[in-house]
């Protein structure tokens, strides 16, 4: 059935000849478990980030915490909205014809799937860019990257993700009920029209672009931190940078592992015009892998904190029989020292002329 001509009944043709079957009780159980774990995890991460934001009101870390909070809040609402719709669909025995005559629920579901899929990827790349600027251009970051600018970036990212999600609706292309009858997305079966292919490829390309930007910026940030550390022999005042880059690397790895199967599958369907060998079960597995990203993201901030890493280091050193070395690189230092060290290291010839020992004594 052509969705552009009959948007009110879009996707119902797939309900008659579906080859993808899911066990209702098992599917409902896992949907409820995933939604509950995701909500609890993201709520705990929000509490931790808010406490950290109240404690460290330094510009360098405050902007990162605001972006991280936006990412976790997005994941939380993704679990609430998408999870609630999925549970309702399972509880209604996936009878879309009965409760979706006007296709409103499927459209809302599809918009939410696209928005809550792309927005965390965009925010992860923005966080990587922000940290790269904070490390490579600390003076510019401290003067230009204010809280109002960060909030503006959050708003722009969300609006851009909303625009991408609303494109099919604006073009009078309804979202389609997928073969498993459990979720709605772009058209993935019998894709012949160029516009349907465009949406699939646009989603995949934007996702891969966000991951590529995150990888590039995190690589530059890590190399810069190591270079400054070895060049100045100054470990004090950089602990919060290392803590944030570890969290960013973890987020990037989680996003790549969880989202790559789904992005590759959608790109393959778009390129092959729906004649790919990806079965309904394969697509459903890739979707569940992507769902795990919203569950694992908050645990990056819960587990990869300074206090947790310090205790983990002590336990590991004790088990290996090693003497616990001085952990002053993990001690809190002021942003002033961090900026001074970065500025000194970036200025030509300054490392030979300026003694860094006073800065070390100030950090202590």
Foldseek 3Di string as FASTA:
>chain_A
DACLVPVLCFAVVLVPDFPDEDDLVVQLVVLVVLLVLLLVLLVVLLVLLVVVCVVDVQLLVNLLSVLLNLLSVLLNVLSVVLSVLLNVCSVVVLPCVVVRSRVPSQLVQALSVQLSLLLNLQSLLVSLVLLLCCQQPVVCSRVPVGPVNSVVVSVVSSVVSSCLSCVCVVVSRGWHQDSHSRHTYQDQAQQDDLVSLVSLLVSLVSNVVSLVSLVVSLVSLVVSVVVLCVLQVDLFPCQVSVLSSQLSVVLSVLSCQQQVQLSVSSNVSSVVRNPDPQGPVSNVVSVVSSSVSSSCSSVSSVQSDLVNVVVVVVVVCVVVVHDDDDPNSSPDFDNVLNVVSSVQSPDPPSSVVDDCVVSVVNRD
